[in-house]
Amino acid sequence: MQVLPPSEPNVAAASQQLEQPLLEVESCLNLLGEALLRRDSQAIEQNAAKLHQALALAINSFSEAARSGAVPAHLRHRLVQAGGRVAAQRESLARATAALDRAIDVLMPAEANAVYSAMGKTERKNLGGSIQA
């Protein structure tokens, strides 16, 4: 009869408890990715909110498990991969937002008396050596 070390049952129990929150994060990432591809703004917003909640729950679960030293390596690896996917989607969204901002700037030029110039510096009148805000 083989006797397992005391940490093995803890790792197995932690694995079961951590699997569900991680699956939820991965599911939300997939749904958000699909919504981004479809450019469905309502679905993007809904799935981003769900992802935020799922990430918070998963991080909490993993933090509690880490305190007891019972986070299986394969689940830690999957969580790291999910974090990478979140970062990639965030970067993709930032690029799309920047492109949209540039398109809006071209279609709707700023007013002549705007606060910022084309070079991005503030335009302020210099009256008598002082700067007027």
N, C-alpha and C. Protein backbone atom coordinates (compact mmCIF):
# COMPACT_ATOMS: atom_id res chain seq x y z
N MET A 1 0.84 -1.18 0.00
CA MET A 1 0.00 0.00 0.00
C MET A 1 0.88 1.24 0.00
N GLN A 2 0.59 2.18 -0.91
CA GLN A 2 1.39 3.39 -1.03
C GLN A 2 0.73 4.51 -0.25
N VAL A 3 1.51 5.19 0.56
CA VAL A 3 1.01 6.31 1.35
C VAL A 3 1.43 7.60 0.66
N LEU A 4 0.44 8.46 0.39
CA LEU A 4 0.74 9.72 -0.27
C LEU A 4 1.21 10.75 0.75
N PRO A 5 2.11 11.63 0.35
CA PRO A 5 2.51 12.69 1.25
C PRO A 5 1.31 13.58 1.58
N PRO A 6 1.33 14.25 2.72
CA PRO A 6 0.19 15.07 3.13
C PRO A 6 -0.18 16.16 2.13
N SER A 7 0.77 16.64 1.34
CA SER A 7 0.46 17.72 0.41
C SER A 7 -0.35 17.25 -0.80
N GLU A 8 -0.28 15.97 -1.15
CA GLU A 8 -0.99 15.47 -2.33
C GLU A 8 -2.51 15.67 -2.24
N PRO A 9 -3.18 15.32 -1.13
CA PRO A 9 -4.62 15.58 -1.06
C PRO A 9 -4.93 17.07 -1.16
N ASN A 10 -4.07 17.91 -0.58
CA ASN A 10 -4.28 19.36 -0.65
C ASN A 10 -4.20 19.85 -2.09
N VAL A 11 -3.23 19.33 -2.83
CA VAL A 11 -3.06 19.74 -4.23
C VAL A 11 -4.25 19.26 -5.07
N ALA A 12 -4.70 18.03 -4.83
CA ALA A 12 -5.85 17.51 -5.58
C ALA A 12 -7.11 18.32 -5.28
N ALA A 13 -7.33 18.65 -4.02
CA ALA A 13 -8.51 19.44 -3.65
C ALA A 13 -8.41 20.84 -4.23
N ALA A 14 -7.24 21.43 -4.17
CA ALA A 14 -7.04 22.77 -4.72
C ALA A 14 -7.25 22.76 -6.23
N SER A 15 -6.79 21.69 -6.87
CA SER A 15 -6.95 21.59 -8.31
C SER A 15 -8.42 21.61 -8.70
N GLN A 16 -9.23 20.89 -7.96
CA GLN A 16 -10.67 20.86 -8.25
C GLN A 16 -11.30 22.23 -7.99
N GLN A 17 -10.88 22.91 -6.91
CA GLN A 17 -11.45 24.21 -6.57
C GLN A 17 -11.01 25.30 -7.53
N LEU A 18 -9.83 25.18 -8.08
CA LEU A 18 -9.30 26.20 -8.98
C LEU A 18 -9.71 26.01 -10.43
N GLU A 19 -10.07 24.80 -10.78
CA GLU A 19 -10.42 24.49 -12.17
C GLU A 19 -11.62 25.31 -12.65
N GLN A 20 -12.67 25.39 -11.85
CA GLN A 20 -13.90 26.08 -12.27
C GLN A 20 -13.68 27.57 -12.52
N PRO A 21 -13.06 28.31 -11.58
CA PRO A 21 -12.82 29.74 -11.88
C PRO A 21 -11.94 29.95 -13.10
N LEU A 22 -10.96 29.06 -13.29
CA LEU A 22 -10.08 29.18 -14.45
C LEU A 22 -10.82 28.89 -15.74
N LEU A 23 -11.70 27.89 -15.73
CA LEU A 23 -12.52 27.60 -16.91
C LEU A 23 -13.42 28.80 -17.24
N GLU A 24 -13.94 29.46 -16.22
CA GLU A 24 -14.79 30.64 -16.44
C GLU A 24 -13.99 31.77 -17.09
N VAL A 25 -12.78 31.99 -16.62
CA VAL A 25 -11.91 33.02 -17.22
C VAL A 25 -11.64 32.68 -18.68
N GLU A 26 -11.28 31.43 -18.95
CA GLU A 26 -10.98 31.03 -20.32
C GLU A 26 -12.21 31.16 -21.22
N SER A 27 -13.37 30.82 -20.70
CA SER A 27 -14.61 30.96 -21.47
C SER A 27 -14.89 32.43 -21.78
N CYS A 28 -14.74 33.28 -20.78
CA CYS A 28 -14.96 34.72 -20.98
C CYS A 28 -13.98 35.29 -22.00
N LEU A 29 -12.74 34.85 -21.95
CA LEU A 29 -11.74 35.30 -22.92
C LEU A 29 -12.13 34.89 -24.33
N ASN A 30 -12.62 33.67 -24.48
CA ASN A 30 -13.05 33.21 -25.81
C ASN A 30 -14.23 34.04 -26.31
N LEU A 31 -15.21 34.29 -25.44
CA LEU A 31 -16.38 35.07 -25.84
C LEU A 31 -16.00 36.51 -26.18
N LEU A 32 -15.11 37.08 -25.39
CA LEU A 32 -14.66 38.45 -25.66
C LEU A 32 -13.89 38.51 -26.97
N GLY A 33 -13.05 37.52 -27.22
CA GLY A 33 -12.30 37.48 -28.48
C GLY A 33 -13.22 37.41 -29.68
N GLU A 34 -14.28 36.58 -29.57
CA GLU A 34 -15.25 36.48 -30.66
C GLU A 34 -15.99 37.80 -30.87
N ALA A 35 -16.36 38.45 -29.78
CA ALA A 35 -17.06 39.74 -29.88
C ALA A 35 -16.16 40.80 -30.51
N LEU A 36 -14.87 40.77 -30.16
CA LEU A 36 -13.93 41.72 -30.77
C LEU A 36 -13.80 41.48 -32.26
N LEU A 37 -13.76 40.23 -32.67
CA LEU A 37 -13.67 39.91 -34.10
C LEU A 37 -14.92 40.37 -34.86
N ARG A 38 -16.09 40.24 -34.21
CA ARG A 38 -17.34 40.67 -34.84
C ARG A 38 -17.54 42.18 -34.74
N ARG A 39 -16.72 42.83 -33.92
CA ARG A 39 -16.85 44.27 -33.65
C ARG A 39 -18.25 44.59 -33.09
N ASP A 40 -18.72 43.71 -32.21
CA ASP A 40 -20.02 43.84 -31.57
C ASP A 40 -19.81 44.57 -30.25
N SER A 41 -20.04 45.89 -30.25
CA SER A 41 -19.71 46.69 -29.08
C SER A 41 -20.50 46.30 -27.83
N GLN A 42 -21.76 45.93 -28.00
CA GLN A 42 -22.56 45.53 -26.85
C GLN A 42 -22.02 44.22 -26.26
N ALA A 43 -21.70 43.26 -27.10
CA ALA A 43 -21.15 41.99 -26.63
C ALA A 43 -19.77 42.19 -26.02
N ILE A 44 -18.99 43.10 -26.60
CA ILE A 44 -17.66 43.40 -26.05
C ILE A 44 -17.81 43.91 -24.63
N GLU A 45 -18.70 44.87 -24.44
CA GLU A 45 -18.88 45.44 -23.11
C GLU A 45 -19.38 44.40 -22.10
N GLN A 46 -20.35 43.59 -22.51
CA GLN A 46 -20.89 42.57 -21.61
C GLN A 46 -19.84 41.52 -21.25
N ASN A 47 -19.12 41.04 -22.26
CA ASN A 47 -18.12 40.02 -22.01
C ASN A 47 -16.90 40.55 -21.26
N ALA A 48 -16.57 41.81 -21.47
CA ALA A 48 -15.47 42.42 -20.71
C ALA A 48 -15.84 42.51 -19.24
N ALA A 49 -17.09 42.86 -18.94
CA ALA A 49 -17.54 42.92 -17.55
C ALA A 49 -17.52 41.53 -16.91
N LYS A 50 -17.98 40.53 -17.66
CA LYS A 50 -17.96 39.16 -17.15
C LYS A 50 -16.53 38.69 -16.92
N LEU A 51 -15.64 39.04 -17.85
CA LEU A 51 -14.23 38.66 -17.71
C LEU A 51 -13.63 39.30 -16.47
N HIS A 52 -13.95 40.56 -16.24
CA HIS A 52 -13.44 41.27 -15.07
C HIS A 52 -13.85 40.54 -13.79
N GLN A 53 -15.12 40.15 -13.70
CA GLN A 53 -15.61 39.43 -12.53
C GLN A 53 -14.95 38.06 -12.41
N ALA A 54 -14.83 37.35 -13.52
CA ALA A 54 -14.23 36.02 -13.51
C ALA A 54 -12.76 36.09 -13.10
N LEU A 55 -12.04 37.10 -13.59
CA LEU A 55 -10.64 37.27 -13.21
C LEU A 55 -10.50 37.56 -11.73
N ALA A 56 -11.37 38.42 -11.20
CA ALA A 56 -11.32 38.75 -9.78
C ALA A 56 -11.54 37.50 -8.93
N LEU A 57 -12.51 36.69 -9.31
CA LEU A 57 -12.80 35.45 -8.58
C LEU A 57 -11.63 34.47 -8.70
N ALA A 58 -11.09 34.32 -9.89
CA ALA A 58 -9.97 33.39 -10.09
C ALA A 58 -8.73 33.83 -9.31
N ILE A 59 -8.43 35.12 -9.36
CA ILE A 59 -7.26 35.62 -8.64
C ILE A 59 -7.43 35.40 -7.14
N ASN A 60 -8.63 35.65 -6.64
CA ASN A 60 -8.92 35.42 -5.23
C ASN A 60 -8.73 33.95 -4.88
N SER A 61 -9.27 33.07 -5.71
CA SER A 61 -9.15 31.62 -5.47
C SER A 61 -7.70 31.17 -5.52
N PHE A 62 -6.95 31.65 -6.50
CA PHE A 62 -5.55 31.27 -6.62
C PHE A 62 -4.72 31.83 -5.47
N SER A 63 -5.05 33.04 -5.02
CA SER A 63 -4.33 33.64 -3.89
C SER A 63 -4.53 32.82 -2.62
N GLU A 64 -5.77 32.42 -2.37
CA GLU A 64 -6.06 31.60 -1.19
C GLU A 64 -5.32 30.26 -1.28
N ALA A 65 -5.34 29.65 -2.44
CA ALA A 65 -4.66 28.36 -2.62
C ALA A 65 -3.14 28.53 -2.47
N ALA A 66 -2.61 29.63 -2.95
CA ALA A 66 -1.16 29.87 -2.87
C ALA A 66 -0.72 30.02 -1.42
N ARG A 67 -1.57 30.60 -0.58
CA ARG A 67 -1.22 30.75 0.83
C ARG A 67 -1.01 29.40 1.50
N SER A 68 -1.75 28.40 1.05
CA SER A 68 -1.59 27.06 1.62
C SER A 68 -0.59 26.23 0.81
N GLY A 69 -0.04 26.82 -0.22
CA GLY A 69 0.97 26.14 -1.03
C GLY A 69 0.42 25.03 -1.90
N ALA A 70 -0.83 25.15 -2.30
CA ALA A 70 -1.47 24.06 -3.03
C ALA A 70 -1.94 24.47 -4.42
N VAL A 71 -1.10 25.18 -5.16
CA VAL A 71 -1.46 25.55 -6.54
C VAL A 71 -0.70 24.64 -7.50
N PRO A 72 -1.43 23.77 -8.18
CA PRO A 72 -0.77 22.87 -9.14
C PRO A 72 -0.10 23.66 -10.27
N ALA A 73 1.03 23.18 -10.70
CA ALA A 73 1.82 23.88 -11.73
C ALA A 73 1.04 24.03 -13.03
N HIS A 74 0.28 23.01 -13.43
CA HIS A 74 -0.43 23.10 -14.71
C HIS A 74 -1.54 24.16 -14.65
N LEU A 75 -2.15 24.36 -13.50
CA LEU A 75 -3.17 25.42 -13.38
C LEU A 75 -2.51 26.79 -13.31
N ARG A 76 -1.38 26.89 -12.65
CA ARG A 76 -0.64 28.15 -12.60
C ARG A 76 -0.25 28.55 -14.01
N HIS A 77 0.19 27.58 -14.80
CA HIS A 77 0.59 27.84 -16.20
C HIS A 77 -0.61 28.32 -17.02
N ARG A 78 -1.77 27.69 -16.84
CA ARG A 78 -2.97 28.11 -17.56
C ARG A 78 -3.39 29.52 -17.16
N LEU A 79 -3.24 29.86 -15.88
CA LEU A 79 -3.58 31.21 -15.43
C LEU A 79 -2.63 32.23 -16.06
N VAL A 80 -1.37 31.90 -16.15
CA VAL A 80 -0.39 32.79 -16.80
C VAL A 80 -0.75 32.97 -18.28
N GLN A 81 -1.14 31.88 -18.95
CA GLN A 81 -1.55 31.97 -20.35
C GLN A 81 -2.79 32.86 -20.49
N ALA A 82 -3.74 32.73 -19.58
CA ALA A 82 -4.94 33.57 -19.61
C ALA A 82 -4.55 35.03 -19.42
N GLY A 83 -3.61 35.30 -18.53
CA GLY A 83 -3.13 36.66 -18.34
C GLY A 83 -2.50 37.22 -19.60
N GLY A 84 -1.77 36.38 -20.31
CA GLY A 84 -1.18 36.80 -21.59
C GLY A 84 -2.24 37.12 -22.63
N ARG A 85 -3.30 36.32 -22.65
CA ARG A 85 -4.39 36.58 -23.59
C ARG A 85 -5.10 37.89 -23.25
N VAL A 86 -5.28 38.15 -21.95
CA VAL A 86 -5.89 39.41 -21.53
C VAL A 86 -5.04 40.59 -22.01
N ALA A 87 -3.73 40.48 -21.83
CA ALA A 87 -2.83 41.55 -22.26
C ALA A 87 -2.88 41.74 -23.78
N ALA A 88 -2.94 40.64 -24.52
CA ALA A 88 -3.00 40.73 -25.98
C ALA A 88 -4.30 41.38 -26.43
N GLN A 89 -5.41 41.02 -25.79
CA GLN A 89 -6.69 41.63 -26.16
C GLN A 89 -6.72 43.11 -25.78
N ARG A 90 -6.11 43.44 -24.64
CA ARG A 90 -6.04 44.85 -24.23
C ARG A 90 -5.23 45.65 -25.25
N GLU A 91 -4.11 45.09 -25.70
CA GLU A 91 -3.27 45.76 -26.71
C GLU A 91 -4.02 45.93 -28.02
N SER A 92 -4.74 44.89 -28.43
CA SER A 92 -5.52 44.96 -29.66
C SER A 92 -6.58 46.04 -29.57
N LEU A 93 -7.24 46.11 -28.44
CA LEU A 93 -8.27 47.12 -28.24
C LEU A 93 -7.67 48.52 -28.21
N ALA A 94 -6.51 48.66 -27.60
CA ALA A 94 -5.84 49.97 -27.56
C ALA A 94 -5.46 50.43 -28.96
N ARG A 95 -4.98 49.51 -29.78
CA ARG A 95 -4.62 49.86 -31.16
C ARG A 95 -5.86 50.26 -31.96
N ALA A 96 -6.95 49.53 -31.77
CA ALA A 96 -8.19 49.85 -32.48
C ALA A 96 -8.72 51.22 -32.03
N THR A 97 -8.61 51.50 -30.75
CA THR A 97 -9.05 52.79 -30.23
C THR A 97 -8.20 53.92 -30.80
N ALA A 98 -6.90 53.72 -30.87
CA ALA A 98 -6.01 54.74 -31.43
C ALA A 98 -6.33 54.99 -32.90
N ALA A 99 -6.59 53.92 -33.65
CA ALA A 99 -6.94 54.07 -35.06
C ALA A 99 -8.26 54.83 -35.20
N LEU A 100 -9.21 54.52 -34.34
CA LEU A 100 -10.49 55.22 -34.38
C LEU A 100 -10.31 56.69 -34.03
N ASP A 101 -9.49 56.98 -33.05
CA ASP A 101 -9.22 58.38 -32.69
C ASP A 101 -8.59 59.14 -33.84
N ARG A 102 -7.66 58.50 -34.55
CA ARG A 102 -7.03 59.17 -35.71
C ARG A 102 -8.06 59.42 -36.81
N ALA A 103 -8.93 58.46 -37.04
CA ALA A 103 -9.96 58.62 -38.07
C ALA A 103 -10.92 59.75 -37.70
N ILE A 104 -11.29 59.83 -36.46
CA ILE A 104 -12.18 60.91 -36.00
C ILE A 104 -11.48 62.26 -36.15
N ASP A 105 -10.19 62.33 -35.83
CA ASP A 105 -9.45 63.59 -35.99
C ASP A 105 -9.42 64.04 -37.43
N VAL A 106 -9.32 63.11 -38.37
CA VAL A 106 -9.31 63.45 -39.79
C VAL A 106 -10.68 63.92 -40.24
N LEU A 107 -11.73 63.21 -39.79
CA LEU A 107 -13.08 63.53 -40.21
C LEU A 107 -13.65 64.77 -39.53
N MET A 108 -13.21 65.01 -38.32
CA MET A 108 -13.74 66.14 -37.55
C MET A 108 -12.58 66.96 -37.02
N PRO A 109 -11.99 67.83 -37.85
CA PRO A 109 -10.83 68.61 -37.40
C PRO A 109 -11.19 69.50 -36.22
N ALA A 110 -10.20 69.77 -35.42
CA ALA A 110 -10.40 70.60 -34.23
C ALA A 110 -10.72 72.03 -34.63
N GLU A 111 -11.33 72.75 -33.71
CA GLU A 111 -11.65 74.16 -33.95
C GLU A 111 -10.36 74.97 -34.01
N ALA A 112 -10.44 76.12 -34.63
CA ALA A 112 -9.26 76.97 -34.80
C ALA A 112 -8.71 77.43 -33.46
N ASN A 113 -9.55 77.61 -32.47
CA ASN A 113 -9.07 78.09 -31.17
C ASN A 113 -9.01 76.96 -30.14
N ALA A 114 -8.59 75.80 -30.59
CA ALA A 114 -8.50 74.64 -29.71
C ALA A 114 -7.38 74.83 -28.69
N VAL A 115 -7.41 74.09 -27.64
CA VAL A 115 -6.42 74.20 -26.58
C VAL A 115 -5.07 73.64 -27.02
N TYR A 116 -5.07 72.60 -27.87
CA TYR A 116 -3.83 71.98 -28.31
C TYR A 116 -3.61 72.26 -29.80
N SER A 117 -2.34 72.43 -30.16
CA SER A 117 -2.00 72.66 -31.56
C SER A 117 -1.81 71.32 -32.26
N ALA A 118 -1.52 71.38 -33.55
CA ALA A 118 -1.28 70.17 -34.33
C ALA A 118 -0.06 69.42 -33.80
N MET A 119 0.87 70.15 -33.19
CA MET A 119 2.07 69.53 -32.64
C MET A 119 1.83 68.96 -31.24
N GLY A 120 0.64 69.19 -30.68
CA GLY A 120 0.31 68.62 -29.39
C GLY A 120 0.64 69.52 -28.22
N LYS A 121 1.27 70.67 -28.46
CA LYS A 121 1.62 71.58 -27.38
C LYS A 121 0.44 72.50 -27.12
N THR A 122 0.34 72.95 -25.91
CA THR A 122 -0.74 73.85 -25.57
C THR A 122 -0.50 75.21 -26.19
N GLU A 123 -1.57 75.80 -26.65
CA GLU A 123 -1.49 77.14 -27.22
C GLU A 123 -2.00 78.11 -26.17
N ARG A 124 -1.11 78.91 -25.63
CA ARG A 124 -1.50 79.90 -24.63
C ARG A 124 -0.95 81.24 -25.06
N LYS A 125 -1.73 82.25 -24.81
CA LYS A 125 -1.30 83.60 -25.16
C LYS A 125 -0.34 84.10 -24.10
N ASN A 126 0.71 84.73 -24.56
CA ASN A 126 1.69 85.29 -23.65
C ASN A 126 1.41 86.78 -23.54
N LEU A 127 0.86 87.19 -22.43
CA LEU A 127 0.53 88.59 -22.22
C LEU A 127 1.41 89.19 -21.14
N GLY A 128 2.27 90.12 -21.52
CA GLY A 128 3.11 90.82 -20.57
C GLY A 128 4.02 89.94 -19.74
N GLY A 129 4.54 88.91 -20.32
CA GLY A 129 5.49 88.06 -19.60
C GLY A 129 4.85 86.99 -18.73
N SER A 130 3.54 87.01 -18.59
CA SER A 130 2.89 85.97 -17.78
C SER A 130 2.09 85.06 -18.70
N ILE A 131 1.83 83.91 -18.23
CA ILE A 131 1.05 82.95 -19.01
C ILE A 131 -0.38 83.03 -18.57
N GLN A 132 -1.27 83.17 -19.55
CA GLN A 132 -2.71 83.22 -19.25
C GLN A 132 -3.27 81.83 -19.40
N ALA A 133 -3.94 81.33 -18.38
CA ALA A 133 -4.49 79.98 -18.39
C ALA A 133 -5.86 79.97 -19.01
